[in-house]
Amino acid sequence: MSHGPRGPVYAATFSAVAVTAAQDLFEITAPATSRVLIRGIRIGQYSDAGDAAAGLLSILLIRGYTASGSGGTSATPVNLGGWAGAAAASSSVEVNNTTVANTGTPATLLADSLNVQGGWQYYPAPHDHIILDYSQRLVVRITAPADSLTMNGTLLFQEIGKDAP
């Protein structure tokens, strides 16, 4: 009986970021020695609460770019196992790249919309998890908002070694 993939689970986050342009909110690259399973994504904003701000943004999950975007920052993933000596992530994560990744052979894995007032969550069923192969990249991309939004986001991922569930 399988209990799912094994390996540490990490959170990469950004908070209180003024978003004014289309961007890759998250860009994760799997390490050369491990596959990565995307456990969940949460995106929200807290600066536009009125009815006039009830806009929608396109949100895409895209795998396959071979070069990184730019204009954002590196994020340090945190192991959800908070004990001393918990393994650090081998994956690299960037947040808020305003120059989006554009080199490679991208495949859109999910196309959805983000309600600016309600936020957006992605917690797939186990058989729907996105898995990145060694050194593969995934971006979480949004279109430009109508006005500046102060946004937070969390990417949950698991380094599962060489096994693929």
Protein backbone atom coordinates (compact mmCIF):
# COMPACT_ATOMS: atom_id res chain seq x y z
CA MET A 1 0.00 0.00 0.00
CA SER A 2 1.50 3.33 -1.07
CA HIS A 3 1.16 6.40 1.12
CA GLY A 4 2.29 8.75 -1.63
CA PRO A 5 5.70 10.13 -2.45
CA ARG A 6 8.29 10.55 0.26
CA GLY A 7 10.50 13.54 0.75
CA PRO A 8 10.50 16.87 2.55
CA VAL A 9 7.79 19.45 1.87
CA TYR A 10 8.74 23.12 1.50
CA ALA A 11 6.98 26.48 1.37
CA ALA A 12 8.24 29.37 -0.74
CA THR A 13 6.46 32.66 -0.16
CA PHE A 14 6.27 36.32 -1.02
CA SER A 15 4.34 38.96 0.91
CA ALA A 16 3.35 42.61 0.65
CA VAL A 17 4.54 42.88 -2.97
CA ALA A 18 3.11 45.68 -5.12
CA VAL A 19 2.11 43.98 -8.37
CA THR A 20 1.53 46.34 -11.30
CA ALA A 21 2.57 44.26 -14.32
CA ALA A 22 2.18 40.80 -15.81
CA GLN A 23 4.69 38.52 -14.12
CA ASP A 24 5.78 35.07 -13.07
CA LEU A 25 4.68 35.11 -9.44
CA PHE A 26 6.66 31.92 -8.86
CA GLU A 27 9.36 30.20 -10.86
CA ILE A 28 10.59 26.89 -9.44
CA THR A 29 13.40 24.82 -10.91
CA ALA A 30 13.85 21.23 -9.77
CA PRO A 31 17.36 20.19 -8.76
CA ALA A 32 19.43 18.00 -11.08
CA THR A 33 19.14 15.13 -8.57
CA SER A 34 15.45 15.07 -7.68
CA ARG A 35 11.96 15.35 -9.07
CA VAL A 36 9.60 17.91 -7.56
CA LEU A 37 5.88 17.51 -6.88
CA ILE A 38 3.74 20.66 -6.65
CA ARG A 39 1.50 20.26 -3.58
CA GLY A 40 -0.34 23.57 -3.66
CA ILE A 41 -0.36 27.23 -4.57
CA ARG A 42 -2.16 30.11 -2.89
CA ILE A 43 -2.35 33.67 -4.28
CA GLY A 44 -4.17 36.64 -2.74
CA GLN A 45 -4.19 40.41 -2.39
CA TYR A 46 -5.32 42.76 0.34
CA SER A 47 -5.28 46.25 -1.14
CA ASP A 48 -8.44 46.26 -3.31
CA ALA A 49 -11.57 45.30 -1.38
CA GLY A 50 -14.33 47.35 -3.03
CA ASP A 51 -16.77 46.25 -5.74
CA ALA A 52 -14.95 48.40 -8.29
CA ALA A 53 -11.93 46.12 -7.77
CA ALA A 54 -13.78 42.91 -8.67
CA GLY A 55 -11.42 42.24 -11.56
CA LEU A 56 -10.16 38.97 -12.94
CA LEU A 57 -6.61 38.05 -13.96
CA SER A 58 -5.51 35.17 -16.12
CA ILE A 59 -3.34 32.68 -14.25
CA LEU A 60 -1.30 30.00 -16.01
CA LEU A 61 0.89 27.15 -14.78
CA ILE A 62 3.53 26.59 -17.45
CA ARG A 63 6.25 23.94 -17.53
CA GLY A 64 9.17 23.73 -19.94
CA TYR A 65 11.00 27.04 -20.05
CA THR A 66 14.77 26.53 -20.17
CA ALA A 67 15.87 30.01 -19.12
CA SER A 68 14.84 31.98 -16.10
CA GLY A 69 12.87 35.19 -16.10
CA SER A 70 14.23 38.26 -14.33
CA GLY A 71 13.25 41.32 -12.37
CA GLY A 72 12.19 39.43 -9.25
CA THR A 73 14.02 37.99 -6.29
CA SER A 74 15.22 34.63 -5.05
CA ALA A 75 13.10 33.02 -2.36
CA THR A 76 14.46 30.70 0.30
CA PRO A 77 12.09 27.75 0.68
CA VAL A 78 11.33 26.73 4.27
CA ASN A 79 11.10 23.07 5.27
CA LEU A 80 7.68 22.50 6.87
CA GLY A 81 9.43 20.08 9.26
CA GLY A 82 10.62 22.81 11.62
CA TRP A 83 13.03 20.76 13.70
CA ALA A 84 16.75 21.44 13.91
CA GLY A 85 18.57 19.74 11.07
CA ALA A 86 15.56 19.55 8.73
CA ALA A 87 16.86 19.31 5.16
CA ALA A 88 17.18 22.50 3.13
CA ALA A 89 15.59 22.59 -0.32
CA SER A 90 17.73 21.78 -3.35
CA SER A 91 15.20 23.40 -5.70
CA SER A 92 15.61 27.05 -6.64
CA VAL A 93 12.65 29.43 -6.44
CA GLU A 94 12.28 32.98 -7.73
CA VAL A 95 9.31 35.23 -7.04
CA ASN A 96 7.77 38.18 -8.86
CA ASN A 97 9.80 38.06 -12.10
CA THR A 98 8.49 41.01 -14.12
CA THR A 99 10.41 39.86 -17.19
CA VAL A 100 8.77 36.48 -17.68
CA ALA A 101 10.52 33.30 -18.76
CA ASN A 102 10.29 32.97 -22.56
CA THR A 103 12.92 30.49 -23.80
CA GLY A 104 12.26 26.79 -24.38
CA THR A 105 9.28 24.66 -25.29
CA PRO A 106 6.58 25.65 -22.81
CA ALA A 107 3.49 23.57 -22.08
CA THR A 108 0.55 25.19 -20.32
CA LEU A 109 -0.65 22.71 -17.69
CA LEU A 110 -3.42 24.82 -16.22
CA ALA A 111 -5.22 27.93 -17.47
CA ASP A 112 -7.56 29.58 -15.00
CA SER A 113 -8.65 32.96 -13.68
CA LEU A 114 -7.86 34.68 -10.41
CA ASN A 115 -10.66 36.73 -8.86
CA VAL A 116 -8.88 39.76 -7.43
CA GLN A 117 -11.23 39.95 -4.43
CA GLY A 118 -11.38 36.22 -3.68
CA GLY A 119 -7.81 35.09 -4.39
CA TRP A 120 -6.85 31.77 -5.97
CA GLN A 121 -5.93 28.34 -4.63
CA TYR A 122 -4.60 25.22 -6.32
CA TYR A 123 -4.61 22.01 -4.29
CA PRO A 124 -4.85 19.15 -6.79
CA ALA A 125 -6.06 15.63 -6.13
CA PRO A 126 -3.11 13.21 -5.81
CA HIS A 127 -3.52 11.87 -9.36
CA ASP A 128 -3.47 15.46 -10.70
CA HIS A 129 -0.22 16.64 -9.09
CA ILE A 130 2.23 18.41 -11.38
CA ILE A 131 5.65 16.75 -11.29
CA LEU A 132 8.84 18.41 -12.49
CA ASP A 133 11.60 16.19 -13.82
CA TYR A 134 15.27 16.85 -13.03
CA SER A 135 16.18 20.50 -13.72
CA GLN A 136 12.71 21.24 -15.12
CA ARG A 137 11.13 24.65 -14.53
CA LEU A 138 7.52 25.66 -13.72
CA VAL A 139 6.18 29.21 -13.67
CA VAL A 140 2.97 30.59 -12.15
CA ARG A 141 2.11 33.52 -14.43
CA ILE A 142 -0.52 36.25 -14.14
CA THR A 143 -1.65 39.00 -16.47
CA ALA A 144 -1.30 42.67 -15.52
CA PRO A 145 -3.82 43.96 -12.98
CA ALA A 146 -5.86 47.09 -13.78
CA ASP A 147 -4.20 48.87 -10.86
CA SER A 148 -1.52 48.12 -8.29
CA LEU A 149 -2.31 45.17 -5.99
CA THR A 150 -0.52 44.33 -2.75
CA MET A 151 -0.14 40.57 -3.02
CA ASN A 152 0.92 37.53 -1.01
CA GLY A 153 1.63 34.04 -2.32
CA THR A 154 2.66 30.57 -1.14
CA LEU A 155 4.02 27.68 -3.20
CA LEU A 156 4.08 24.27 -1.50
CA PHE A 157 6.30 21.64 -3.09
CA GLN A 158 7.92 18.34 -2.26
CA GLU A 159 11.27 17.02 -3.39
CA ILE A 160 10.48 13.37 -4.09
CA GLY A 161 13.85 12.05 -5.18
CA LYS A 162 14.05 9.87 -8.27
CA ASP A 163 10.63 8.27 -7.81
CA ALA A 164 7.58 9.45 -9.69
CA PRO A 165 4.22 8.57 -8.12
